Amino acid sequence: MLQPKKTKYRKLFKPRSLPGPAKKGTKVSFGEFGLIASESGHVSSRQIEAARRAIVHHIKRGGRVWIRIFPAMPITKKPPETRMGGGKGDVDHWVAVVRLGEVMFEMGGVEESIAKEALRLAAMKLAVKSSFITKYN
């Protein structure tokens, strides 16, 4: 699973809603095909890894895959049946903050039909709605 090697603070404040579309990372830069977010939300490191494995499995070691999002926000959770108080819970998992219009995955070196199917399989693993785009679209 992806997570930062080192952070300035162990725990962050509770995440707020994500206003507006993404300003950066909205175009396919490295590959020829991409998976772009159709809504804002959080994608966990487990979901990113599951999507990556789905893509790699479908393209059968052909082509190249780029992951454009990174889970840098810690989400904390208190143990079940714990009384109120006692401070903030321990870090449970890490999430990537994804905004509307942000490219999450990119692919290159494969045919469009294979890329489309691989990214469709990856989109099913993610918590945000997404769509397929090409570099020259």
C-alpha atoms as a PDB file:
ATOM      1  CA  MET A   1       0.000   0.000   0.000  1.00  0.00           C
ATOM      2  CA  LEU A   2       1.109   3.539  -0.679  1.00  0.00           C
ATOM      3  CA  GLN A   3       1.731   5.919   2.203  1.00  0.00           C
ATOM      4  CA  PRO A   4       4.168   8.757   2.899  1.00  0.00           C
ATOM      5  CA  LYS A   5       7.596   7.865   4.262  1.00  0.00           C
ATOM      6  CA  LYS A   6       7.619  10.880   6.561  1.00  0.00           C
ATOM      7  CA  THR A   7       5.090  13.581   7.440  1.00  0.00           C
ATOM      8  CA  LYS A   8       5.352  16.818   9.372  1.00  0.00           C
ATOM      9  CA  TYR A   9       2.273  15.962  11.469  1.00  0.00           C
ATOM     10  CA  ARG A  10       0.944  12.491  12.274  1.00  0.00           C
ATOM     11  CA  LYS A  11      -2.739  13.459  12.260  1.00  0.00           C
ATOM     12  CA  LEU A  12      -4.640  16.087  10.286  1.00  0.00           C
ATOM     13  CA  PHE A  13      -7.889  17.917  10.917  1.00  0.00           C
ATOM     14  CA  LYS A  14     -11.110  16.332   9.701  1.00  0.00           C
ATOM     15  CA  PRO A  15     -11.310  16.827   5.914  1.00  0.00           C
ATOM     16  CA  ARG A  16     -13.793  19.373   4.599  1.00  0.00           C
ATOM     17  CA  SER A  17     -15.758  19.198   1.370  1.00  0.00           C
ATOM     18  CA  LEU A  18     -13.793  19.820  -1.823  1.00  0.00           C
ATOM     19  CA  PRO A  19     -15.073  22.980  -3.523  1.00  0.00           C
ATOM     20  CA  GLY A  20     -14.642  23.423  -7.272  1.00  0.00           C
ATOM     21  CA  PRO A  21     -12.847  21.446  -9.956  1.00  0.00           C
ATOM     22  CA  ALA A  22      -9.122  20.648 -10.074  1.00  0.00           C
ATOM     23  CA  LYS A  23      -6.780  23.332 -11.330  1.00  0.00           C
ATOM     24  CA  LYS A  24      -3.732  21.130 -11.909  1.00  0.00           C
ATOM     25  CA  GLY A  25      -3.365  17.587 -13.239  1.00  0.00           C
ATOM     26  CA  THR A  26      -6.313  17.786 -15.615  1.00  0.00           C
ATOM     27  CA  LYS A  27      -4.534  16.660 -18.807  1.00  0.00           C
ATOM     28  CA  VAL A  28      -2.923  13.381 -19.849  1.00  0.00           C
ATOM     29  CA  SER A  29       0.807  14.159 -19.627  1.00  0.00           C
ATOM     30  CA  PHE A  30       2.817  10.928 -19.619  1.00  0.00           C
ATOM     31  CA  GLY A  31       0.818   8.280 -21.490  1.00  0.00           C
ATOM     32  CA  GLU A  32      -1.747   8.282 -24.276  1.00  0.00           C
ATOM     33  CA  PHE A  33      -4.866   7.310 -22.302  1.00  0.00           C
ATOM     34  CA  GLY A  34      -6.134   8.315 -18.882  1.00  0.00           C
ATOM     35  CA  LEU A  35      -8.780   7.854 -16.204  1.00  0.00           C
ATOM     36  CA  ILE A  36     -10.232  11.207 -15.119  1.00  0.00           C
ATOM     37  CA  ALA A  37     -12.385  11.830 -12.031  1.00  0.00           C
ATOM     38  CA  SER A  38     -16.013  12.804 -12.725  1.00  0.00           C
ATOM     39  CA  GLU A  39     -16.607  13.796  -9.095  1.00  0.00           C
ATOM     40  CA  SER A  40     -14.611  14.850  -6.033  1.00  0.00           C
ATOM     41  CA  GLY A  41     -13.849  12.534  -3.152  1.00  0.00           C
ATOM     42  CA  HIS A  42     -11.269  10.429  -1.361  1.00  0.00           C
ATOM     43  CA  VAL A  43      -9.546   7.346  -2.782  1.00  0.00           C
ATOM     44  CA  SER A  44      -7.834   5.047  -0.281  1.00  0.00           C
ATOM     45  CA  SER A  45      -4.419   3.494  -0.796  1.00  0.00           C
ATOM     46  CA  ARG A  46      -6.052   0.050  -0.981  1.00  0.00           C
ATOM     47  CA  GLN A  47      -8.331   1.196  -3.801  1.00  0.00           C
ATOM     48  CA  ILE A  48      -5.370   2.669  -5.711  1.00  0.00           C
ATOM     49  CA  GLU A  49      -3.464  -0.609  -5.381  1.00  0.00           C
ATOM     50  CA  ALA A  50      -6.498  -2.674  -6.440  1.00  0.00           C
ATOM     51  CA  ALA A  51      -6.990  -0.460  -9.508  1.00  0.00           C
ATOM     52  CA  ARG A  52      -3.296  -0.676 -10.399  1.00  0.00           C
ATOM     53  CA  ARG A  53      -3.367  -4.475 -10.168  1.00  0.00           C
ATOM     54  CA  ALA A  54      -6.501  -4.652 -12.320  1.00  0.00           C
ATOM     55  CA  ILE A  55      -4.815  -2.562 -15.027  1.00  0.00           C
ATOM     56  CA  VAL A  56      -1.540  -4.517 -14.972  1.00  0.00           C
ATOM     57  CA  HIS A  57      -3.406  -7.844 -15.021  1.00  0.00           C
ATOM     58  CA  HIS A  58      -5.464  -6.826 -18.049  1.00  0.00           C
ATOM     59  CA  ILE A  59      -2.605  -5.462 -20.171  1.00  0.00           C
ATOM     60  CA  LYS A  60      -0.469  -8.560 -19.437  1.00  0.00           C
ATOM     61  CA  ARG A  61       2.832  -6.720 -18.865  1.00  0.00           C
ATOM     62  CA  GLY A  62       2.479  -4.724 -22.090  1.00  0.00           C
ATOM     63  CA  GLY A  63       2.656  -0.941 -22.046  1.00  0.00           C
ATOM     64  CA  ARG A  64       3.251   1.323 -19.081  1.00  0.00           C
ATOM     65  CA  VAL A  65       1.079   2.636 -16.227  1.00  0.00           C
ATOM     66  CA  TRP A  66       1.425   5.933 -14.331  1.00  0.00           C
ATOM     67  CA  ILE A  67      -0.348   6.636 -11.019  1.00  0.00           C
ATOM     68  CA  ARG A  68      -1.004  10.383 -10.800  1.00  0.00           C
ATOM     69  CA  ILE A  69      -2.531  10.452  -7.296  1.00  0.00           C
ATOM     70  CA  PHE A  70      -0.851   9.748  -3.963  1.00  0.00           C
ATOM     71  CA  PRO A  71      -2.510   9.003  -0.591  1.00  0.00           C
ATOM     72  CA  ALA A  72      -1.021  11.692   1.636  1.00  0.00           C
ATOM     73  CA  MET A  73      -3.949  12.374   4.003  1.00  0.00           C
ATOM     74  CA  PRO A  74      -4.237  10.213   7.144  1.00  0.00           C
ATOM     75  CA  ILE A  75      -7.700   9.144   8.306  1.00  0.00           C
ATOM     76  CA  THR A  76      -7.982   8.319  12.007  1.00  0.00           C
ATOM     77  CA  LYS A  77     -10.384   5.973  13.706  1.00  0.00           C
ATOM     78  CA  LYS A  78     -11.133   5.158  17.326  1.00  0.00           C
ATOM     79  CA  PRO A  79     -11.564   1.512  18.373  1.00  0.00           C
ATOM     80  CA  PRO A  80     -15.120   0.148  18.582  1.00  0.00           C
ATOM     81  CA  GLU A  81     -16.979   0.401  21.911  1.00  0.00           C
ATOM     82  CA  THR A  82     -14.717   3.194  23.167  1.00  0.00           C
ATOM     83  CA  ARG A  83     -16.126   5.914  25.404  1.00  0.00           C
ATOM     84  CA  MET A  84     -16.123   9.566  24.371  1.00  0.00           C
ATOM     85  CA  GLY A  85     -12.983  11.597  25.045  1.00  0.00           C
ATOM     86  CA  GLY A  86      -9.468  10.337  25.369  1.00  0.00           C
ATOM     87  CA  GLY A  87      -8.150  12.284  22.382  1.00  0.00           C
ATOM     88  CA  LYS A  88      -8.072  11.587  18.687  1.00  0.00           C
ATOM     89  CA  GLY A  89      -7.851   8.006  17.421  1.00  0.00           C
ATOM     90  CA  ASP A  90      -4.885   6.341  15.761  1.00  0.00           C
ATOM     91  CA  VAL A  91      -4.218   6.580  12.019  1.00  0.00           C
ATOM     92  CA  ASP A  92      -6.347   3.889  10.353  1.00  0.00           C
ATOM     93  CA  HIS A  93      -5.603   4.388   6.652  1.00  0.00           C
ATOM     94  CA  TRP A  94      -4.361   6.889   4.070  1.00  0.00           C
ATOM     95  CA  VAL A  95      -6.414   8.551   1.336  1.00  0.00           C
ATOM     96  CA  ALA A  96      -5.707  10.638  -1.751  1.00  0.00           C
ATOM     97  CA  VAL A  97      -7.843  13.750  -2.154  1.00  0.00           C
ATOM     98  CA  VAL A  98      -9.244  13.664  -5.703  1.00  0.00           C
ATOM     99  CA  ARG A  99     -11.012  16.644  -7.249  1.00  0.00           C
ATOM    100  CA  LEU A 100     -13.368  16.825 -10.197  1.00  0.00           C
ATOM    101  CA  GLY A 101     -11.415  16.681 -13.469  1.00  0.00           C
ATOM    102  CA  GLU A 102      -8.172  15.296 -12.026  1.00  0.00           C
ATOM    103  CA  VAL A 103      -6.334  12.544 -13.955  1.00  0.00           C
ATOM    104  CA  MET A 104      -5.815   9.559 -11.645  1.00  0.00           C
ATOM    105  CA  PHE A 105      -4.197   6.936 -13.886  1.00  0.00           C
ATOM    106  CA  GLU A 106      -2.432   7.072 -17.254  1.00  0.00           C
ATOM    107  CA  MET A 107      -1.436   4.356 -19.719  1.00  0.00           C
ATOM    108  CA  GLY A 108       0.723   4.158 -22.798  1.00  0.00           C
ATOM    109  CA  GLY A 109       2.123   1.595 -25.221  1.00  0.00           C
ATOM    110  CA  VAL A 110      -1.114  -0.372 -25.748  1.00  0.00           C
ATOM    111  CA  GLU A 111      -4.054  -0.248 -28.156  1.00  0.00           C
ATOM    112  CA  GLU A 112      -7.006   1.978 -27.310  1.00  0.00           C
ATOM    113  CA  SER A 113      -9.456  -0.918 -26.923  1.00  0.00           C
ATOM    114  CA  ILE A 114      -7.194  -2.685 -24.401  1.00  0.00           C
ATOM    115  CA  ALA A 115      -6.558   0.574 -22.516  1.00  0.00           C
ATOM    116  CA  LYS A 116     -10.269   1.373 -22.393  1.00  0.00           C
ATOM    117  CA  GLU A 117     -11.152  -2.010 -20.915  1.00  0.00           C
ATOM    118  CA  ALA A 118      -8.254  -1.940 -18.424  1.00  0.00           C
ATOM    119  CA  LEU A 119      -9.210   1.532 -17.178  1.00  0.00           C
ATOM    120  CA  ARG A 120     -12.880   0.497 -16.993  1.00  0.00           C
ATOM    121  CA  LEU A 121     -11.873  -2.367 -14.686  1.00  0.00           C
ATOM    122  CA  ALA A 122      -9.775   0.040 -12.617  1.00  0.00           C
ATOM    123  CA  ALA A 123     -12.659   2.539 -12.351  1.00  0.00           C
ATOM    124  CA  MET A 124     -14.803  -0.139 -10.708  1.00  0.00           C
ATOM    125  CA  LYS A 125     -12.295  -0.394  -7.850  1.00  0.00           C
ATOM    126  CA  LEU A 126     -12.320   3.345  -7.043  1.00  0.00           C
ATOM    127  CA  ALA A 127     -14.666   5.274  -4.744  1.00  0.00           C
ATOM    128  CA  VAL A 128     -15.186   8.157  -7.202  1.00  0.00           C
ATOM    129  CA  LYS A 129     -16.931   8.127 -10.563  1.00  0.00           C
ATOM    130  CA  SER A 130     -14.489   8.389 -13.438  1.00  0.00           C
ATOM    131  CA  SER A 131     -14.292   8.337 -17.242  1.00  0.00           C
ATOM    132  CA  PHE A 132     -11.829   7.390 -19.976  1.00  0.00           C
ATOM    133  CA  ILE A 133      -9.967  10.103 -21.894  1.00  0.00           C
ATOM    134  CA  THR A 134      -7.257  10.200 -24.551  1.00  0.00           C
ATOM    135  CA  LYS A 135      -4.326  12.571 -24.829  1.00  0.00           C
ATOM    136  CA  TYR A 136      -5.674  14.357 -27.905  1.00  0.00           C
ATOM    137  CA  ASN A 137      -9.278  14.641 -26.726  1.00  0.00           C
END
